C-alpha atoms as a PDB file:
ATOM      1  CA  MET A   1     -21.153 -15.773 -34.546  1.00  0.00           C
ATOM      2  CA  PRO A   2     -19.182 -13.398 -36.423  1.00  0.00           C
ATOM      3  CA  GLY A   3     -15.750 -13.498 -36.730  1.00  0.00           C
ATOM      4  CA  SER A   4     -12.858 -10.844 -35.473  1.00  0.00           C
ATOM      5  CA  VAL A   5     -12.196  -7.483 -37.477  1.00  0.00           C
ATOM      6  CA  GLN A   6      -8.464  -7.983 -38.426  1.00  0.00           C
ATOM      7  CA  SER A   7      -8.160  -3.993 -38.686  1.00  0.00           C
ATOM      8  CA  ILE A   8      -9.521  -3.674 -34.965  1.00  0.00           C
ATOM      9  CA  GLU A   9      -7.175  -6.325 -34.003  1.00  0.00           C
ATOM     10  CA  ARG A  10      -4.157  -4.514 -35.984  1.00  0.00           C
ATOM     11  CA  ALA A  11      -5.131  -1.248 -34.264  1.00  0.00           C
ATOM     12  CA  ALA A  12      -5.039  -3.054 -30.774  1.00  0.00           C
ATOM     13  CA  ALA A  13      -1.763  -4.505 -31.647  1.00  0.00           C
ATOM     14  CA  ILE A  14      -0.288  -1.201 -32.426  1.00  0.00           C
ATOM     15  CA  LEU A  15      -1.801   0.677 -29.354  1.00  0.00           C
ATOM     16  CA  ARG A  16      -0.104  -2.109 -27.151  1.00  0.00           C
ATOM     17  CA  LEU A  17       3.248  -1.785 -28.786  1.00  0.00           C
ATOM     18  CA  LEU A  18       3.002   1.895 -28.187  1.00  0.00           C
ATOM     19  CA  ALA A  19       2.020   1.284 -24.561  1.00  0.00           C
ATOM     20  CA  SER A  20       4.985  -1.150 -24.066  1.00  0.00           C
ATOM     21  CA  SER A  21       7.571   1.390 -25.585  1.00  0.00           C
ATOM     22  CA  SER A  22       9.449   3.644 -23.482  1.00  0.00           C
ATOM     23  CA  GLY A  23       9.558   6.408 -26.119  1.00  0.00           C
ATOM     24  CA  ARG A  24       7.905   7.225 -29.463  1.00  0.00           C
ATOM     25  CA  LEU A  25       8.151   4.770 -32.246  1.00  0.00           C
ATOM     26  CA  GLY A  26       8.214   5.518 -36.015  1.00  0.00           C
ATOM     27  CA  ILE A  27       6.250   3.660 -38.858  1.00  0.00           C
ATOM     28  CA  GLY A  28       9.137   1.288 -39.708  1.00  0.00           C
ATOM     29  CA  GLU A  29       9.698   0.187 -36.212  1.00  0.00           C
ATOM     30  CA  ILE A  30       5.891  -0.499 -35.655  1.00  0.00           C
ATOM     31  CA  SER A  31       5.751  -2.373 -39.093  1.00  0.00           C
ATOM     32  CA  ARG A  32       8.704  -4.644 -38.410  1.00  0.00           C
ATOM     33  CA  SER A  33       7.516  -5.395 -34.944  1.00  0.00           C
ATOM     34  CA  LEU A  34       4.110  -6.510 -35.821  1.00  0.00           C
ATOM     35  CA  ASP A  35       4.908  -7.709 -39.524  1.00  0.00           C
ATOM     36  CA  LEU A  36       2.523  -5.533 -41.301  1.00  0.00           C
ATOM     37  CA  ALA A  37       3.236  -3.390 -44.456  1.00  0.00           C
ATOM     38  CA  LYS A  38       3.953   0.123 -44.070  1.00  0.00           C
ATOM     39  CA  GLY A  39       1.001   1.052 -46.046  1.00  0.00           C
ATOM     40  CA  THR A  40      -1.324  -0.426 -43.751  1.00  0.00           C
ATOM     41  CA  THR A  41       0.472   0.559 -40.460  1.00  0.00           C
ATOM     42  CA  HIS A  42       0.171   4.239 -41.744  1.00  0.00           C
ATOM     43  CA  GLY A  43      -3.374   3.999 -42.505  1.00  0.00           C
ATOM     44  CA  ILE A  44      -4.180   2.445 -39.012  1.00  0.00           C
ATOM     45  CA  LEU A  45      -1.962   5.359 -37.211  1.00  0.00           C
ATOM     46  CA  ARG A  46      -3.862   8.116 -39.248  1.00  0.00           C
ATOM     47  CA  THR A  47      -7.023   6.747 -38.226  1.00  0.00           C
ATOM     48  CA  LEU A  48      -5.822   6.438 -34.440  1.00  0.00           C
ATOM     49  CA  GLN A  49      -4.342   9.751 -34.621  1.00  0.00           C
ATOM     50  CA  ASN A  50      -7.764  11.253 -35.886  1.00  0.00           C
ATOM     51  CA  VAL A  51      -9.598   9.850 -32.762  1.00  0.00           C
ATOM     52  CA  GLY A  52      -6.908  10.839 -30.588  1.00  0.00           C
ATOM     53  CA  PHE A  53      -5.705   7.499 -29.598  1.00  0.00           C
ATOM     54  CA  VAL A  54      -2.137   8.305 -31.010  1.00  0.00           C
ATOM     55  CA  GLU A  55      -0.164  11.412 -31.299  1.00  0.00           C
ATOM     56  CA  GLN A  56       2.523  12.142 -33.669  1.00  0.00           C
ATOM     57  CA  ASP A  57       5.683  14.246 -32.816  1.00  0.00           C
ATOM     58  CA  THR A  58       6.177  17.067 -35.373  1.00  0.00           C
ATOM     59  CA  ASP A  59       9.748  16.851 -35.586  1.00  0.00           C
ATOM     60  CA  SER A  60      10.706  13.139 -35.496  1.00  0.00           C
ATOM     61  CA  GLY A  61       7.430  12.035 -37.288  1.00  0.00           C
ATOM     62  CA  LYS A  62       7.088   9.306 -34.576  1.00  0.00           C
ATOM     63  CA  TYR A  63       4.016   8.308 -32.609  1.00  0.00           C
ATOM     64  CA  ARG A  64       3.127   7.609 -28.989  1.00  0.00           C
ATOM     65  CA  LEU A  65      -0.142   6.917 -27.161  1.00  0.00           C
ATOM     66  CA  GLY A  66      -2.569   9.919 -27.267  1.00  0.00           C
ATOM     67  CA  ALA A  67      -4.322  11.817 -24.657  1.00  0.00           C
ATOM     68  CA  ALA A  68      -7.822  10.435 -25.526  1.00  0.00           C
ATOM     69  CA  LEU A  69      -6.619   6.932 -24.809  1.00  0.00           C
ATOM     70  CA  LEU A  70      -5.122   8.089 -21.861  1.00  0.00           C
ATOM     71  CA  HIS A  71      -8.224   9.313 -20.454  1.00  0.00           C
ATOM     72  CA  LEU A  72     -10.178   6.129 -21.378  1.00  0.00           C
ATOM     73  CA  GLY A  73      -7.526   4.277 -19.568  1.00  0.00           C
ATOM     74  CA  THR A  74      -8.049   5.949 -16.289  1.00  0.00           C
ATOM     75  CA  SER A  75     -11.935   6.246 -16.473  1.00  0.00           C
ATOM     76  CA  TYR A  76     -11.955   2.480 -15.348  1.00  0.00           C
ATOM     77  CA  LEU A  77      -9.873   3.374 -12.068  1.00  0.00           C
ATOM     78  CA  ASP A  78     -11.596   5.299  -9.353  1.00  0.00           C
ATOM     79  CA  VAL A  79      -9.709   6.929  -6.534  1.00  0.00           C
ATOM     80  CA  ASN A  80     -10.522   4.125  -4.098  1.00  0.00           C
ATOM     81  CA  GLU A  81      -9.117   1.168  -6.203  1.00  0.00           C
ATOM     82  CA  LEU A  82      -5.822   3.294  -6.771  1.00  0.00           C
ATOM     83  CA  ARG A  83      -5.487   3.740  -3.173  1.00  0.00           C
ATOM     84  CA  SER A  84      -6.427   0.382  -1.964  1.00  0.00           C
ATOM     85  CA  ARG A  85      -4.117  -1.339  -4.362  1.00  0.00           C
ATOM     86  CA  SER A  86      -1.184   1.171  -3.381  1.00  0.00           C
ATOM     87  CA  ILE A  87      -1.416   0.779   0.312  1.00  0.00           C
ATOM     88  CA  ASN A  88       0.106  -2.401   0.581  1.00  0.00           C
ATOM     89  CA  TRP A  89       3.131  -1.117  -1.182  1.00  0.00           C
ATOM     90  CA  ALA A  90       3.304   2.710   0.444  1.00  0.00           C
ATOM     91  CA  ASP A  91       3.876   1.563   3.933  1.00  0.00           C
ATOM     92  CA  PRO A  92       7.116  -0.633   3.052  1.00  0.00           C
ATOM     93  CA  LEU A  93       8.334   2.211   0.903  1.00  0.00           C
ATOM     94  CA  ALA A  94       7.949   4.772   4.001  1.00  0.00           C
ATOM     95  CA  ALA A  95       9.844   2.125   6.291  1.00  0.00           C
ATOM     96  CA  ARG A  96      12.743   1.433   3.532  1.00  0.00           C
ATOM     97  CA  SER A  97      13.051   5.178   2.732  1.00  0.00           C
ATOM     98  CA  GLY A  98      12.482   6.824   6.173  1.00  0.00           C
ATOM     99  CA  GLU A  99      10.440   9.530   4.080  1.00  0.00           C
ATOM    100  CA  ALA A 100       6.899  10.488   3.774  1.00  0.00           C
ATOM    101  CA  VAL A 101       4.952   8.703   0.732  1.00  0.00           C
ATOM    102  CA  ARG A 102       2.327   9.970  -1.276  1.00  0.00           C
ATOM    103  CA  ILE A 103       0.330   8.409  -4.137  1.00  0.00           C
ATOM    104  CA  GLY A 104      -1.591  10.918  -6.607  1.00  0.00           C
ATOM    105  CA  THR A 105      -3.712  10.882  -9.496  1.00  0.00           C
ATOM    106  CA  PHE A 106      -4.579  13.472 -12.256  1.00  0.00           C
ATOM    107  CA  LEU A 107      -7.739  15.578 -11.146  1.00  0.00           C
ATOM    108  CA  ASP A 108      -9.025  18.748 -12.927  1.00  0.00           C
ATOM    109  CA  GLY A 109      -5.414  19.972 -13.670  1.00  0.00           C
ATOM    110  CA  LYS A 110      -3.858  19.164 -10.553  1.00  0.00           C
ATOM    111  CA  VAL A 111      -2.442  16.021  -8.629  1.00  0.00           C
ATOM    112  CA  LEU A 112      -5.001  14.719  -6.175  1.00  0.00           C
ATOM    113  CA  VAL A 113      -3.307  13.176  -3.223  1.00  0.00           C
ATOM    114  CA  VAL A 114      -5.276   9.813  -2.335  1.00  0.00           C
ATOM    115  CA  HIS A 115      -2.868   8.419  -0.094  1.00  0.00           C
ATOM    116  CA  HIS A 116      -0.447   9.789   2.455  1.00  0.00           C
ATOM    117  CA  VAL A 117       2.009   7.704   4.798  1.00  0.00           C
ATOM    118  CA  PHE A 118       3.864   9.828   7.305  1.00  0.00           C
ATOM    119  CA  ARG A 119       7.607   9.746   7.612  1.00  0.00           C
ATOM    120  CA  PRO A 120       8.283   7.051  10.133  1.00  0.00           C
ATOM    121  CA  ASP A 121       9.640   9.441  13.134  1.00  0.00           C
ATOM    122  CA  ASP A 122       8.526  11.443  15.701  1.00  0.00           C
ATOM    123  CA  THR A 123       8.120  15.079  13.956  1.00  0.00           C
ATOM    124  CA  PHE A 124       5.198  16.820  13.440  1.00  0.00           C
ATOM    125  CA  GLN A 125       3.412  15.919  10.176  1.00  0.00           C
ATOM    126  CA  THR A 126      -0.131  16.990   8.494  1.00  0.00           C
ATOM    127  CA  LEU A 127      -2.476  14.419   6.408  1.00  0.00           C
ATOM    128  CA  ASP A 128      -2.232  15.507   2.863  1.00  0.00           C
ATOM    129  CA  VAL A 129      -4.936  13.261   1.635  1.00  0.00           C
ATOM    130  CA  GLY A 130      -7.230  15.347  -0.519  1.00  0.00           C
ATOM    131  CA  SER A 131      -5.004  18.158  -1.084  1.00  0.00           C
ATOM    132  CA  LEU A 132      -4.427  19.388  -4.658  1.00  0.00           C
ATOM    133  CA  LEU A 133      -0.934  20.059  -5.735  1.00  0.00           C
ATOM    134  CA  PRO A 134       0.355  21.936  -8.852  1.00  0.00           C
ATOM    135  CA  LEU A 135       1.430  19.458 -11.693  1.00  0.00           C
ATOM    136  CA  HIS A 136       4.376  21.352 -12.842  1.00  0.00           C
ATOM    137  CA  ALA A 137       5.881  21.836  -9.296  1.00  0.00           C
ATOM    138  CA  CYS A 138       6.233  18.444  -7.889  1.00  0.00           C
ATOM    139  CA  ALA A 139       7.599  15.179  -8.906  1.00  0.00           C
ATOM    140  CA  MET A 140       4.250  13.320  -8.805  1.00  0.00           C
ATOM    141  CA  GLY A 141       2.804  16.219 -11.011  1.00  0.00           C
ATOM    142  CA  LYS A 142       5.866  15.712 -13.569  1.00  0.00           C
ATOM    143  CA  VAL A 143       5.314  12.025 -13.922  1.00  0.00           C
ATOM    144  CA  LEU A 144       1.454  12.648 -14.799  1.00  0.00           C
ATOM    145  CA  LEU A 145       2.290  15.582 -17.171  1.00  0.00           C
ATOM    146  CA  ALA A 146       5.046  13.154 -18.896  1.00  0.00           C
ATOM    147  CA  TYR A 147       2.158  10.997 -20.393  1.00  0.00           C
ATOM    148  CA  ASN A 148      -0.676  13.734 -20.689  1.00  0.00           C
ATOM    149  CA  ALA A 149      -0.062  15.964 -23.726  1.00  0.00           C
ATOM    150  CA  ASP A 150      -3.601  17.587 -23.349  1.00  0.00           C
ATOM    151  CA  ALA A 151      -2.683  18.686 -19.630  1.00  0.00           C
ATOM    152  CA  VAL A 152       0.615  19.892 -20.768  1.00  0.00           C
ATOM    153  CA  ARG A 153      -1.045  22.114 -22.897  1.00  0.00           C
ATOM    154  CA  ALA A 154      -3.558  23.467 -20.195  1.00  0.00           C
ATOM    155  CA  VAL A 155      -1.129  23.677 -17.211  1.00  0.00           C
ATOM    156  CA  GLN A 156      -0.780  27.201 -15.728  1.00  0.00           C
ATOM    157  CA  LEU A 157       3.018  27.658 -15.007  1.00  0.00           C
ATOM    158  CA  GLU A 158       2.709  29.387 -11.680  1.00  0.00           C
ATOM    159  CA  PRO A 159       5.915  30.226  -9.768  1.00  0.00           C
ATOM    160  CA  PHE A 160       6.049  28.770  -6.237  1.00  0.00           C
ATOM    161  CA  THR A 161       9.592  29.182  -5.498  1.00  0.00           C
ATOM    162  CA  ARG A 162      12.615  30.648  -7.506  1.00  0.00           C
ATOM    163  CA  ARG A 163      12.994  27.255  -8.825  1.00  0.00           C
ATOM    164  CA  THR A 164       9.694  26.644 -10.030  1.00  0.00           C
ATOM    165  CA  LEU A 165       9.639  25.793 -13.849  1.00  0.00           C
ATOM    166  CA  THR A 166       7.815  28.759 -15.560  1.00  0.00           C
ATOM    167  CA  ARG A 167       8.923  28.470 -19.133  1.00  0.00           C
ATOM    168  CA  PRO A 168       7.097  25.925 -21.240  1.00  0.00           C
ATOM    169  CA  ASP A 169      10.422  25.062 -22.946  1.00  0.00           C
ATOM    170  CA  ASP A 170      12.049  24.182 -19.740  1.00  0.00           C
ATOM    171  CA  LEU A 171       8.889  22.064 -18.586  1.00  0.00           C
ATOM    172  CA  GLY A 172       9.091  20.361 -21.949  1.00  0.00           C
ATOM    173  CA  ARG A 173      12.638  19.494 -21.615  1.00  0.00           C
ATOM    174  CA  ALA A 174      12.154  18.205 -17.925  1.00  0.00           C
ATOM    175  CA  LEU A 175       9.156  15.945 -19.177  1.00  0.00           C
ATOM    176  CA  ALA A 176      11.077  14.600 -21.904  1.00  0.00           C
ATOM    177  CA  GLU A 177      13.826  13.463 -19.112  1.00  0.00           C
ATOM    178  CA  VAL A 178      10.953  11.972 -17.153  1.00  0.00           C
ATOM    179  CA  ARG A 179       9.997   9.771 -19.989  1.00  0.00           C
ATOM    180  CA  ASP A 180      13.293   8.773 -20.852  1.00  0.00           C
ATOM    181  CA  ARG A 181      14.471   7.737 -17.190  1.00  0.00           C
ATOM    182  CA  GLY A 182      11.027   6.521 -15.949  1.00  0.00           C
ATOM    183  CA  TRP A 183      11.058   8.682 -12.902  1.00  0.00           C
ATOM    184  CA  ALA A 184      10.717  12.282 -11.897  1.00  0.00           C
ATOM    185  CA  PHE A 185      12.193  14.621  -9.109  1.00  0.00           C
ATOM    186  CA  ASP A 186      11.986  18.148  -7.757  1.00  0.00           C
ATOM    187  CA  VAL A 187      14.319  20.156  -5.753  1.00  0.00           C
ATOM    188  CA  GLU A 188      12.574  23.263  -3.868  1.00  0.00           C
ATOM    189  CA  GLU A 189      10.212  23.749  -6.691  1.00  0.00           C
ATOM    190  CA  LEU A 190       7.127  23.716  -4.600  1.00  0.00           C
ATOM    191  CA  THR A 191       8.455  24.351  -1.108  1.00  0.00           C
ATOM    192  CA  PRO A 192      11.940  25.782  -0.155  1.00  0.00           C
ATOM    193  CA  GLY A 193      14.007  23.124   1.409  1.00  0.00           C
ATOM    194  CA  GLU A 194      11.954  20.181   0.315  1.00  0.00           C
ATOM    195  CA  ALA A 195      12.401  17.798  -2.640  1.00  0.00           C
ATOM    196  CA  GLY A 196      10.541  14.764  -4.143  1.00  0.00           C
ATOM    197  CA  ILE A 197      11.150  11.554  -5.970  1.00  0.00           C
ATOM    198  CA  ALA A 198       8.305  10.021  -7.917  1.00  0.00           C
ATOM    199  CA  ALA A 199       7.709   7.099 -10.333  1.00  0.00           C
ATOM    200  CA  PRO A 200       4.413   6.311 -12.583  1.00  0.00           C
ATOM    201  CA  ILE A 201       1.967   3.873 -11.569  1.00  0.00           C
ATOM    202  CA  ARG A 202       0.678   2.170 -14.734  1.00  0.00           C
ATOM    203  CA  GLY A 203      -2.597  -0.092 -15.239  1.00  0.00           C
ATOM    204  CA  TYR A 204      -3.694  -2.312 -18.103  1.00  0.00           C
ATOM    205  CA  GLY A 205      -1.815  -1.954 -21.094  1.00  0.00           C
ATOM    206  CA  GLY A 206       0.893   0.136 -19.714  1.00  0.00           C
ATOM    207  CA  LEU A 207      -1.204   3.510 -19.407  1.00  0.00           C
ATOM    208  CA  VAL A 208      -0.189   5.745 -16.694  1.00  0.00           C
ATOM    209  CA  VAL A 209      -2.857   6.088 -14.037  1.00  0.00           C
ATOM    210  CA  GLY A 210      -1.142   7.547 -11.144  1.00  0.00           C
ATOM    211  CA  ALA A 211       2.106   8.234  -9.576  1.00  0.00           C
ATOM    212  CA  ILE A 212       3.847   7.313  -6.141  1.00  0.00           C
ATOM    213  CA  GLY A 213       6.815   9.225  -4.527  1.00  0.00           C
ATOM    214  CA  VAL A 214       8.693  10.082  -1.493  1.00  0.00           C
ATOM    215  CA  SER A 215       9.242  13.604  -0.243  1.00  0.00           C
ATOM    216  CA  GLY A 216      11.252  15.269   2.536  1.00  0.00           C
ATOM    217  CA  PRO A 217      14.171  17.876   3.228  1.00  0.00           C
ATOM    218  CA  VAL A 218      16.539  18.314   0.346  1.00  0.00           C
ATOM    219  CA  GLU A 219      19.625  16.920   2.568  1.00  0.00           C
ATOM    220  CA  ARG A 220      18.126  13.583   2.817  1.00  0.00           C
ATOM    221  CA  LEU A 221      16.772  13.048  -0.646  1.00  0.00           C
ATOM    222  CA  CYS A 222      19.975  14.674  -2.548  1.00  0.00           C
ATOM    223  CA  ASP A 223      23.483  14.414  -2.684  1.00  0.00           C
ATOM    224  CA  SER A 224      25.910  17.285  -2.172  1.00  0.00           C
ATOM    225  CA  ARG A 225      25.084  18.298  -5.827  1.00  0.00           C
ATOM    226  CA  GLY A 226      21.452  18.349  -5.446  1.00  0.00           C
ATOM    227  CA  ARG A 227      20.905  15.131  -7.576  1.00  0.00           C
ATOM    228  CA  PRO A 228      18.429  12.660  -6.141  1.00  0.00           C
ATOM    229  CA  ASP A 229      19.829   9.732  -3.981  1.00  0.00           C
ATOM    230  CA  ALA A 230      20.000   6.642  -6.361  1.00  0.00           C
ATOM    231  CA  THR A 231      18.925   4.255  -3.522  1.00  0.00           C
ATOM    232  CA  LEU A 232      15.805   6.338  -3.001  1.00  0.00           C
ATOM    233  CA  VAL A 233      15.091   6.153  -6.600  1.00  0.00           C
ATOM    234  CA  SER A 234      15.410   2.437  -6.752  1.00  0.00           C
ATOM    235  CA  TYR A 235      12.940   2.227  -3.699  1.00  0.00           C
ATOM    236  CA  VAL A 236      10.368   4.546  -5.339  1.00  0.00           C
ATOM    237  CA  ARG A 237      10.499   2.668  -8.724  1.00  0.00           C
ATOM    238  CA  GLU A 238      10.463  -0.805  -7.226  1.00  0.00           C
ATOM    239  CA  ALA A 239       7.174   0.315  -5.348  1.00  0.00           C
ATOM    240  CA  ALA A 240       5.697   1.907  -8.307  1.00  0.00           C
ATOM    241  CA  ARG A 241       6.174  -1.406 -10.496  1.00  0.00           C
ATOM    242  CA  ALA A 242       4.624  -3.390  -7.572  1.00  0.00           C
ATOM    243  CA  VAL A 243       1.625  -1.245  -7.385  1.00  0.00           C
ATOM    244  CA  SER A 244       1.358  -1.586 -11.401  1.00  0.00           C
ATOM    245  CA  ARG A 245       1.558  -5.184 -11.443  1.00  0.00           C
ATOM    246  CA  ASP A 246      -1.392  -5.132  -8.861  1.00  0.00           C
ATOM    247  CA  LEU A 247      -3.437  -3.121 -11.228  1.00  0.00           C
ATOM    248  CA  GLY A 248      -2.922  -5.249 -14.252  1.00  0.00           C
ATOM    249  CA  ALA A 249       0.347  -3.756 -16.069  1.00  0.00           C
ATOM    250  CA  SER A 250       2.498  -6.172 -17.657  1.00  0.00           C
ATOM    251  CA  ARG A 251       5.825  -7.011 -15.995  1.00  0.00           C
ATOM    252  CA  ARG A 252       8.579  -4.727 -17.197  1.00  0.00           C
END
């Protein structure tokens, strides 16, 4: 039997390291973390960049996972599996938060809602399963965009309210904040009077394969300054981590 190929092992180690990082990494950081020579690290990164598995930031020169790899990561996970693994955590999130819960994934430049738990009260609600939401105007969409550079370049910044992000620079800053925080929110960007909070669902290798979030009236999800309620944010993030673990993501 032939032995393992060292260059592929090293490339895989680099991809795992980038997947586990909350931001971009430079050649020096990668070299030190994996005990590789900088020249070797640079050569592997250039190859991975050529096939779209990593992307390099033009300003900082640092690297992150590329869109081609993200697409590979989501191909194994069909909608039914994402929904089935999320159900056990969506109902408790609705009960804890008192708000509606949705789970979504990327489909044809939109957010496909694959599961929806009604707000646990007696108000009239409409089932959203199968709905397609705009990526740039809702919290789940921002989560998905934050980890998919190709989608960002293709998104149409259509206005839905006066607060919808319609300038590429504004959206870019918002997505950078999502990556830094690990969660997203929107306040009246899709529907007047409504707000949302969402966090990424990750699969094997830490790749983002979906999002889970709560939505409801601004006065219930936000404080007097329009900032998301910290307790609700913690509930959403805990649920996202639980679903991610069920899908094979490492504990973080």
